[in-house]
Amino acid sequence: MRVIISRSAATYLRNEVQYLKSRSLAAATRFTNAFIDARRNLETFPDMGKESEELPVPGYKTWVFGDYLMDYTRKADVIEIVAIRHGRMRPLTPTQEPDEDFE
């Protein structure tokens, strides 16, 4: 199954690799290799993740790789990685503010 990466997920990957490289080349390499392995596993086993209460969007799953989480969705014959984040980060979800003035 083909795996694609959203712009925001690709941006996070690039930024995280740059950050890790500035601290430790070995850490950046481990992160990159862990992502490559996770992506390959996702191609082979597209249902390997689990739906999460933290990510209240139907059809979206989360997969753990190392210290990171990958949120993805399956669309026909394509899997889209929509977000990648460190395990200590909360998932990106729309904020729901009450509409008190009804405008």
Protein backbone atom coordinates (compact mmCIF):
# COMPACT_ATOMS: atom_id res chain seq x y z
CA MET A 1 0.00 0.00 0.00
CA ARG A 2 1.30 3.46 -0.87
CA VAL A 3 2.10 5.81 2.01
CA ILE A 4 2.08 9.58 1.59
CA ILE A 5 3.05 12.27 4.09
CA SER A 6 1.11 15.48 4.66
CA ARG A 7 2.93 18.80 4.42
CA SER A 8 2.69 19.39 8.14
CA ALA A 9 4.07 15.92 8.94
CA ALA A 10 6.93 16.41 6.45
CA THR A 11 7.70 19.79 7.99
CA TYR A 12 7.78 18.25 11.47
CA LEU A 13 10.15 15.52 10.21
CA ARG A 14 12.55 18.04 8.70
CA ASN A 15 12.50 20.27 11.78
CA GLU A 16 12.98 17.37 14.17
CA VAL A 17 15.92 15.99 12.19
CA GLN A 18 17.54 19.44 12.16
CA TYR A 19 16.97 19.86 15.89
CA LEU A 20 18.36 16.41 16.69
CA LYS A 21 21.36 16.94 14.39
CA SER A 22 22.22 20.10 16.29
CA ARG A 23 22.35 18.06 19.50
CA SER A 24 23.47 14.61 18.36
CA LEU A 25 24.04 13.13 14.92
CA ALA A 26 23.43 9.65 16.37
CA ALA A 27 20.02 10.70 17.72
CA ALA A 28 19.07 12.19 14.34
CA THR A 29 20.10 8.96 12.62
CA ARG A 30 18.11 6.83 15.08
CA PHE A 31 15.03 9.00 14.57
CA THR A 32 15.34 8.86 10.78
CA ASN A 33 15.81 5.08 10.78
CA ALA A 34 12.89 4.58 13.18
CA PHE A 35 10.64 6.64 10.89
CA ILE A 36 11.76 4.71 7.79
CA ASP A 37 11.04 1.40 9.56
CA ALA A 38 7.64 2.63 10.78
CA ARG A 39 6.70 3.76 7.28
CA ARG A 40 7.70 0.40 5.79
CA ASN A 41 5.67 -1.43 8.43
CA LEU A 42 2.70 0.81 7.68
CA GLU A 43 2.95 -0.07 3.97
CA THR A 44 2.81 -3.77 4.84
CA PHE A 45 0.41 -3.63 7.79
CA PRO A 46 -1.88 -0.63 7.22
CA ASP A 47 -4.14 -1.47 10.16
CA MET A 48 -1.35 -1.82 12.72
CA GLY A 49 -2.19 1.38 14.60
CA LYS A 50 -5.03 1.90 16.99
CA GLU A 51 -7.76 4.45 17.28
CA SER A 52 -7.14 6.76 20.19
CA GLU A 53 -9.39 8.72 22.50
CA GLU A 54 -6.81 11.51 22.31
CA LEU A 55 -7.43 11.77 18.58
CA PRO A 56 -11.22 12.07 18.31
CA VAL A 57 -11.41 11.84 14.52
CA PRO A 58 -13.12 8.75 13.10
CA GLY A 59 -10.88 6.66 10.87
CA TYR A 60 -7.62 8.05 12.21
CA LYS A 61 -5.11 5.81 13.94
CA THR A 62 -1.94 6.31 15.92
CA TRP A 63 1.22 4.23 15.73
CA VAL A 64 4.13 4.47 18.17
CA PHE A 65 7.69 4.39 16.85
CA GLY A 66 10.41 4.98 19.39
CA ASP A 67 9.59 8.10 21.40
CA TYR A 68 7.31 9.39 18.65
CA LEU A 69 3.72 8.98 17.51
CA MET A 70 2.45 8.89 13.95
CA ASP A 71 -1.20 9.75 13.22
CA TYR A 72 -2.53 8.43 9.94
CA THR A 73 -5.64 7.62 7.97
CA ARG A 74 -6.36 5.04 5.31
CA LYS A 75 -8.09 6.19 2.12
CA ALA A 76 -8.83 3.38 -0.36
CA ASP A 77 -5.36 2.24 -1.47
CA VAL A 78 -3.41 5.11 0.11
CA ILE A 79 -2.31 5.77 3.67
CA GLU A 80 -1.73 9.39 4.61
CA ILE A 81 0.50 10.23 7.55
CA VAL A 82 -1.18 13.39 8.80
CA ALA A 83 0.95 14.17 11.86
CA ILE A 84 4.10 13.11 13.66
CA ARG A 85 4.85 14.24 17.18
CA HIS A 86 6.97 13.40 20.18
CA GLY A 87 5.19 11.12 22.65
CA ARG A 88 5.06 13.92 25.22
CA MET A 89 3.15 16.22 22.88
CA ARG A 90 -0.64 16.34 22.70
CA PRO A 91 -2.26 15.54 19.37
CA LEU A 92 -3.23 18.44 17.15
CA THR A 93 -7.01 18.72 17.28
CA PRO A 94 -9.34 21.56 16.46
CA THR A 95 -10.20 23.71 19.43
CA GLN A 96 -13.84 23.91 20.28
CA GLU A 97 -14.74 27.18 21.90
CA PRO A 98 -18.31 27.75 22.96
CA ASP A 99 -20.14 30.27 20.81
CA GLU A 100 -21.58 32.35 23.62
CA ASP A 101 -22.60 35.33 21.51
CA PHE A 102 -24.11 33.20 18.70
CA GLU A 103 -22.35 35.15 15.94
